[in-house]
Amino acid sequence: MKELKEIRFNENSVQLKDSLVKGSILPEKASELTRTVTVQGNTVIEGPVYAHKLEIQNGDLEIQGAVFTQLELYIHSEATGSVTFKKSVGSANSIVLRAVGCTTVFYSDVNAKSVTLCNTFVAGSIYADEVVLENSVVIGGVFATQSIDLTEAIVGTFNAPAVRIAQSVGLLLPSAFSVEKISTAPEAKLYNLSLADLGALYKGLPQAANSGRIEMSVDADDVKSTLINEEVQKTLHSYTVVGKVLAADLIDADKFQNHFLLTAAALGAQLLKTYDIGVNAKGEPVLLSFEKIRDFFFNLLHGKVEVQSMDGKFDISQLKKF
């Protein structure tokens, strides 16, 4: 990496390659509001970026400040390497990241009219009108005013009028919501991971006996509610395992350290020091770094870390002691 000395800077475009930008890329006059910023690779920008269009042709790229585009944030489909956004990213129109060979990480929230992400890790939440996720992990929630399409993904929760799932989709929280009934592709599976022993899996230790993932049915686990006020009546589908979570909490007082793991991931760039989650089988401390957490959740998504299935059975007599 070399420090940026001279740059092709004009009212219409900014082009960056092998560059370290010590500062921001912000318009200083009205004519620069329509400027396109193009990153050709191997670049670090230490401040925020405002662009009419931010085009990323190749990694590696790290933007340490907030990002906003008026038209589009786009990564070329043939891009490789890594792209990292350390703070919130927004667009008045679209964010499109379809590069299969490029690993993209958002340390905070993503907000746009349309969001399409592939091979992406989001430590925060996504807010949009339409969201398409493929081979991606979102620690927070996915919230859309129109539709959500999930293919091979893990998310905290979701809420949208229309939701479609394909392949395997995991939920980190007990419930998720849609206005219309979820649409499922053939062979699609919906799992809830709120009772999985993520702490033990992260440390490489045996999972707790009454922990595991719960396979959800879009029919049996659907709680249909009607919300009414003076002006509007609205139907909401809630896909939930709350009853099973409550029962498991009464029986098993041991904590799976899931909240600790998820909170550390959600803090992203605000995690000011490295903590450990305990020790592994060799008695060595297991560090909670952002990179390790990201790799863990992708290994979980791809089946490299296997979560046992939970049978959901418990002895009602065990409730007497509470």
Protein backbone atom coordinates (compact mmCIF):
# COMPACT_ATOMS: atom_id res chain seq x y z
CA MET A 1 0.00 0.00 0.00
CA LYS A 2 1.32 3.43 -0.88
CA GLU A 3 0.10 6.76 0.37
CA LEU A 4 -1.92 8.72 -2.15
CA LYS A 5 0.15 11.67 -3.37
CA GLU A 6 -1.55 12.64 -6.59
CA ILE A 7 -5.01 11.57 -7.71
CA ARG A 8 -7.11 11.84 -10.85
CA PHE A 9 -9.62 14.15 -9.27
CA ASN A 10 -12.19 16.13 -11.21
CA GLU A 11 -15.79 17.17 -11.00
CA ASN A 12 -17.02 13.97 -12.66
CA SER A 13 -14.96 11.13 -11.21
CA VAL A 14 -12.42 9.86 -8.68
CA GLN A 15 -10.30 6.81 -9.50
CA LEU A 16 -8.38 4.96 -6.81
CA LYS A 17 -5.81 2.16 -7.12
CA ASP A 18 -2.97 1.20 -4.75
CA SER A 19 -3.97 4.17 -2.63
CA LEU A 20 -4.23 5.31 0.97
CA VAL A 21 -6.63 8.24 1.30
CA LYS A 22 -5.94 10.09 4.55
CA GLY A 23 -9.25 11.83 4.89
CA SER A 24 -12.69 11.90 3.31
CA ILE A 25 -14.08 11.95 -0.22
CA LEU A 26 -16.87 14.49 0.06
CA PRO A 27 -18.23 17.04 -2.45
CA GLU A 28 -17.04 20.60 -1.94
CA LYS A 29 -19.25 22.18 -4.58
CA ALA A 30 -22.56 21.42 -6.29
CA SER A 31 -20.97 20.05 -9.45
CA GLU A 32 -19.26 17.30 -7.43
CA LEU A 33 -22.58 15.91 -6.18
CA THR A 34 -22.83 13.80 -9.34
CA ARG A 35 -19.28 12.46 -9.09
CA THR A 36 -18.54 8.75 -9.54
CA VAL A 37 -15.93 7.14 -7.28
CA THR A 38 -14.25 4.09 -8.83
CA VAL A 39 -12.01 1.78 -6.82
CA GLN A 40 -9.73 -0.44 -8.90
CA GLY A 41 -8.23 -2.27 -5.93
CA ASN A 42 -5.75 -2.22 -3.05
CA THR A 43 -7.17 0.92 -1.42
CA VAL A 44 -7.84 2.26 2.08
CA ILE A 45 -10.03 5.32 2.67
CA GLU A 46 -9.74 6.60 6.24
CA GLY A 47 -12.75 8.94 6.17
CA PRO A 48 -16.36 8.99 4.95
CA VAL A 49 -17.36 8.78 1.28
CA TYR A 50 -20.17 10.52 -0.58
CA ALA A 51 -20.64 9.66 -4.24
CA HIS A 52 -23.32 9.69 -6.87
CA LYS A 53 -22.10 6.17 -7.67
CA LEU A 54 -19.47 4.07 -5.88
CA GLU A 55 -18.10 1.40 -8.21
CA ILE A 56 -15.72 -1.26 -6.87
CA GLN A 57 -13.93 -3.08 -9.65
CA ASN A 58 -11.70 -5.20 -7.42
CA GLY A 59 -10.52 -5.71 -3.82
CA ASP A 60 -8.90 -5.19 -1.49
CA LEU A 61 -10.78 -2.15 -0.17
CA GLU A 62 -11.34 -0.79 3.33
CA ILE A 63 -13.49 2.28 3.98
CA GLN A 64 -13.24 3.40 7.60
CA GLY A 65 -15.91 6.11 7.51
CA ALA A 66 -19.60 6.10 6.66
CA VAL A 67 -20.63 5.69 3.02
CA PHE A 68 -23.57 7.18 1.14
CA THR A 69 -24.38 7.02 -2.57
CA GLN A 70 -27.14 8.82 -4.38
CA LEU A 71 -27.53 6.24 -7.15
CA GLU A 72 -25.71 2.98 -6.45
CA LEU A 73 -23.00 1.10 -4.59
CA TYR A 74 -21.85 -1.68 -6.88
CA ILE A 75 -19.18 -4.40 -6.86
CA HIS A 76 -18.27 -5.97 -10.20
CA SER A 77 -19.34 -9.61 -10.37
CA GLU A 78 -15.79 -10.74 -11.28
CA ALA A 79 -14.15 -8.88 -8.36
CA THR A 80 -11.91 -10.79 -5.95
CA GLY A 81 -10.29 -10.06 -2.60
CA SER A 82 -12.08 -8.41 0.30
CA VAL A 83 -14.21 -5.28 0.75
CA THR A 84 -14.74 -3.88 4.26
CA PHE A 85 -17.05 -1.10 5.42
CA LYS A 86 -16.27 -0.08 9.01
CA LYS A 87 -19.32 2.16 9.52
CA SER A 88 -22.88 2.53 8.26
CA VAL A 89 -23.55 2.30 4.54
CA GLY A 90 -26.54 3.85 2.80
CA SER A 91 -27.87 4.56 -0.67
CA ALA A 92 -30.86 6.51 -1.92
CA ASN A 93 -31.31 3.80 -4.52
CA SER A 94 -29.46 0.47 -4.58
CA ILE A 95 -26.62 -1.56 -3.09
CA VAL A 96 -25.68 -4.48 -5.35
CA LEU A 97 -22.91 -6.88 -4.32
CA ARG A 98 -23.05 -10.07 -6.40
CA ALA A 99 -19.33 -10.96 -6.57
CA VAL A 100 -19.01 -14.62 -5.62
CA GLY A 101 -15.21 -14.41 -5.40
CA CYS A 102 -15.17 -11.32 -3.18
CA THR A 103 -15.75 -11.38 0.59
CA THR A 104 -17.66 -8.31 1.79
CA VAL A 105 -18.02 -7.27 5.44
CA PHE A 106 -20.26 -4.56 6.90
CA TYR A 107 -19.38 -3.69 10.49
CA SER A 108 -22.63 -1.73 10.92
CA ASP A 109 -26.08 -1.20 9.38
CA VAL A 110 -27.01 -1.19 5.70
CA ASN A 111 -29.79 1.07 4.45
CA ALA A 112 -31.01 1.49 0.86
CA LYS A 113 -34.08 1.26 -1.33
CA SER A 114 -32.87 -2.06 -2.76
CA VAL A 115 -30.18 -4.31 -1.21
CA THR A 116 -28.68 -7.36 -2.95
CA LEU A 117 -25.85 -9.13 -1.16
CA CYS A 118 -23.85 -12.26 -1.95
CA ASN A 119 -21.07 -13.81 0.13
CA THR A 120 -21.47 -11.01 2.70
CA PHE A 121 -21.28 -10.68 6.49
CA VAL A 122 -23.33 -7.90 8.14
CA ALA A 123 -22.72 -7.22 11.83
CA GLY A 124 -25.68 -4.83 12.03
CA SER A 125 -29.12 -4.86 10.40
CA ILE A 126 -30.47 -4.26 6.89
CA TYR A 127 -33.25 -1.75 6.19
CA ALA A 128 -34.68 -1.53 2.68
CA ASP A 129 -37.74 -1.83 0.47
CA GLU A 130 -36.43 -5.02 -1.16
CA VAL A 131 -33.68 -7.34 0.13
CA VAL A 132 -32.04 -10.29 -1.62
CA LEU A 133 -29.49 -12.33 0.35
CA GLU A 134 -27.48 -15.28 -0.92
CA ASN A 135 -24.74 -17.13 0.97
CA SER A 136 -24.72 -14.37 3.58
CA VAL A 137 -24.90 -13.82 7.36
CA VAL A 138 -26.71 -10.94 9.08
CA ILE A 139 -26.28 -10.82 12.86
CA GLY A 140 -29.06 -8.25 13.30
CA GLY A 141 -32.42 -8.17 11.55
CA VAL A 142 -33.50 -7.92 7.91
CA PHE A 143 -36.36 -5.44 7.63
CA ALA A 144 -38.06 -4.65 4.32
CA THR A 145 -41.16 -2.68 3.41
CA GLN A 146 -41.86 -4.90 0.37
CA SER A 147 -40.00 -8.22 0.09
CA ILE A 148 -37.14 -10.38 1.37
CA ASP A 149 -35.54 -13.23 -0.59
CA LEU A 150 -33.22 -15.50 1.44
CA THR A 151 -31.08 -18.24 -0.13
CA GLU A 152 -28.53 -20.12 2.01
CA ALA A 153 -28.42 -17.49 4.76
CA ILE A 154 -28.31 -16.96 8.52
CA VAL A 155 -30.09 -13.89 9.91
CA GLY A 156 -31.04 -12.66 13.36
CA THR A 157 -34.69 -12.19 12.40
CA PHE A 158 -36.73 -10.76 9.52
CA ASN A 159 -39.88 -8.74 8.97
CA ALA A 160 -41.46 -7.97 5.59
CA PRO A 161 -44.79 -8.18 3.78
CA ALA A 162 -43.49 -10.96 1.51
CA VAL A 163 -40.69 -13.43 2.34
CA ARG A 164 -39.24 -16.21 0.20
CA ILE A 165 -36.70 -18.77 1.40
CA ALA A 166 -34.59 -21.26 -0.54
CA GLN A 167 -32.05 -23.92 0.44
CA SER A 168 -31.15 -23.54 4.15
CA VAL A 169 -32.08 -20.47 6.22
CA GLY A 170 -31.22 -20.10 9.91
CA LEU A 171 -32.66 -17.71 12.53
CA LEU A 172 -30.59 -16.58 15.51
CA LEU A 173 -33.58 -15.18 17.44
CA PRO A 174 -36.73 -17.09 18.44
CA SER A 175 -39.17 -15.33 16.09
CA ALA A 176 -39.50 -13.79 12.61
CA PHE A 177 -42.42 -12.09 10.88
CA SER A 178 -44.19 -11.62 7.56
CA VAL A 179 -47.51 -10.20 6.43
CA GLU A 180 -48.13 -12.87 3.80
CA LYS A 181 -47.34 -16.52 4.43
CA ILE A 182 -43.71 -17.41 3.69
CA SER A 183 -43.06 -18.76 0.20
CA THR A 184 -40.66 -21.72 0.16
CA ALA A 185 -38.66 -23.13 -2.72
CA PRO A 186 -38.56 -26.94 -3.14
CA GLU A 187 -36.35 -28.58 -0.47
CA ALA A 188 -36.08 -25.30 1.46
CA LYS A 189 -35.41 -25.64 5.20
CA LEU A 190 -35.98 -23.07 7.95
CA TYR A 191 -34.01 -23.62 11.17
CA ASN A 192 -34.02 -21.78 14.48
CA LEU A 193 -30.63 -21.53 16.18
CA SER A 194 -31.69 -19.67 19.33
CA LEU A 195 -31.20 -22.85 21.41
CA ALA A 196 -28.04 -24.02 19.66
CA ASP A 197 -24.99 -24.08 21.94
CA LEU A 198 -23.05 -21.57 19.85
CA GLY A 199 -20.55 -20.93 22.64
CA ALA A 200 -19.47 -24.57 22.78
CA LEU A 201 -19.34 -24.80 18.99
CA TYR A 202 -17.18 -21.67 18.83
CA LYS A 203 -14.79 -23.16 21.38
CA GLY A 204 -14.78 -26.59 19.71
CA LEU A 205 -16.32 -28.27 22.78
CA PRO A 206 -19.19 -30.80 22.99
CA GLN A 207 -22.63 -29.22 22.75
CA ALA A 208 -24.94 -29.16 25.76
CA ALA A 209 -27.29 -32.16 25.91
CA ASN A 210 -30.56 -30.24 25.56
CA SER A 211 -29.35 -27.74 22.98
CA GLY A 212 -29.50 -27.71 19.21
CA ARG A 213 -31.19 -26.33 16.17
CA ILE A 214 -34.94 -26.61 15.72
CA GLU A 215 -36.33 -27.30 12.27
CA MET A 216 -39.31 -25.02 11.80
CA SER A 217 -42.43 -25.63 9.78
CA VAL A 218 -43.94 -22.66 7.99
CA ASP A 219 -47.31 -24.24 8.79
CA ALA A 220 -47.01 -25.69 12.31
CA ASP A 221 -44.82 -22.89 13.73
CA ASP A 222 -46.88 -20.09 12.16
CA VAL A 223 -48.85 -17.99 14.65
CA LYS A 224 -51.34 -15.80 12.78
CA SER A 225 -52.36 -12.59 14.50
CA THR A 226 -54.70 -9.75 13.59
CA LEU A 227 -53.69 -6.28 14.71
CA ILE A 228 -56.40 -3.64 14.84
CA ASN A 229 -56.52 0.04 15.64
CA GLU A 230 -59.11 2.70 14.92
CA GLU A 231 -58.17 2.95 11.25
CA VAL A 232 -56.28 -0.17 10.16
CA GLN A 233 -56.64 -3.92 10.47
CA LYS A 234 -53.47 -5.90 9.70
CA THR A 235 -52.72 -9.61 9.65
CA LEU A 236 -49.27 -10.78 10.72
CA HIS A 237 -47.64 -14.20 10.53
CA SER A 238 -45.16 -14.93 13.32
CA TYR A 239 -42.82 -17.90 12.88
CA THR A 240 -41.73 -18.67 16.40
CA VAL A 241 -40.25 -21.23 18.79
CA VAL A 242 -40.80 -19.05 21.86
CA GLY A 243 -42.65 -21.82 23.73
CA LYS A 244 -39.74 -24.21 23.28
CA VAL A 245 -37.26 -21.52 24.31
CA LEU A 246 -39.17 -20.81 27.53
CA ALA A 247 -39.34 -24.49 28.41
CA ALA A 248 -35.62 -25.00 27.73
CA ASP A 249 -34.71 -22.00 29.87
CA LEU A 250 -36.63 -23.46 32.82
CA ILE A 251 -34.90 -26.83 32.55
CA ASP A 252 -31.37 -25.78 31.71
CA ALA A 253 -29.90 -22.98 33.79
CA ASP A 254 -26.58 -23.17 31.97
CA LYS A 255 -26.00 -20.41 29.46
CA PHE A 256 -24.91 -21.21 25.94
CA GLN A 257 -23.04 -17.86 25.74
CA ASN A 258 -25.02 -17.09 22.59
CA HIS A 259 -25.82 -13.53 23.67
CA PHE A 260 -22.16 -12.84 24.43
CA LEU A 261 -21.13 -14.15 21.01
CA LEU A 262 -23.82 -12.24 19.11
CA THR A 263 -23.20 -9.01 21.03
CA ALA A 264 -19.48 -9.19 20.28
CA ALA A 265 -20.28 -9.66 16.60
CA ALA A 266 -22.81 -6.82 16.56
CA LEU A 267 -20.37 -4.38 18.16
CA GLY A 268 -18.19 -4.67 15.05
CA ALA A 269 -15.65 -1.85 14.93
CA GLN A 270 -16.80 -0.65 18.37
CA LEU A 271 -15.29 -3.73 20.04
CA LEU A 272 -12.40 -1.82 21.60
CA LYS A 273 -10.55 -4.80 23.04
CA THR A 274 -10.35 -8.52 22.44
CA TYR A 275 -12.22 -10.69 24.94
CA ASP A 276 -12.22 -14.43 25.35
CA ILE A 277 -15.25 -16.68 25.67
CA GLY A 278 -13.53 -19.24 27.88
CA VAL A 279 -11.13 -22.04 27.09
CA ASN A 280 -11.11 -24.83 24.51
CA ALA A 281 -10.49 -28.53 25.11
CA LYS A 282 -6.74 -27.83 25.49
CA GLY A 283 -7.33 -25.20 28.18
CA GLU A 284 -6.35 -22.35 25.84
CA PRO A 285 -8.34 -19.08 25.84
CA VAL A 286 -10.66 -18.71 22.83
CA LEU A 287 -10.55 -15.11 21.63
CA LEU A 288 -13.61 -13.19 20.43
CA SER A 289 -12.16 -11.28 17.49
CA PHE A 290 -14.45 -9.99 14.77
CA GLU A 291 -12.66 -12.01 12.09
CA LYS A 292 -12.95 -15.26 14.06
CA ILE A 293 -16.67 -14.64 14.69
CA ARG A 294 -17.26 -13.96 10.99
CA ASP A 295 -15.45 -17.17 9.99
CA PHE A 296 -17.39 -19.13 12.63
CA PHE A 297 -20.79 -18.06 11.27
CA PHE A 298 -19.80 -18.82 7.69
CA ASN A 299 -18.60 -22.26 8.81
CA LEU A 300 -21.98 -22.66 10.52
CA LEU A 301 -23.74 -21.61 7.31
CA HIS A 302 -21.75 -24.00 5.11
CA GLY A 303 -22.04 -26.95 7.47
CA LYS A 304 -18.35 -27.06 8.41
CA VAL A 305 -19.52 -26.56 12.00
CA GLU A 306 -22.39 -28.97 12.63
CA VAL A 307 -25.20 -28.12 15.01
CA GLN A 308 -26.99 -31.06 16.57
CA SER A 309 -30.77 -31.29 16.22
CA MET A 310 -32.88 -30.63 19.27
CA ASP A 311 -35.71 -33.05 19.95
CA GLY A 312 -37.68 -30.51 22.02
CA LYS A 313 -38.65 -33.07 24.71
CA PHE A 314 -38.52 -32.32 28.42
CA ASP A 315 -39.84 -33.76 31.66
CA ILE A 316 -42.58 -31.59 33.12
CA SER A 317 -41.66 -32.82 36.63
CA GLN A 318 -38.43 -30.83 36.38
CA LEU A 319 -40.49 -27.63 36.55
CA LYS A 320 -41.35 -28.30 40.23
CA LYS A 321 -38.08 -26.83 41.47
CA PHE A 322 -38.81 -23.43 39.89
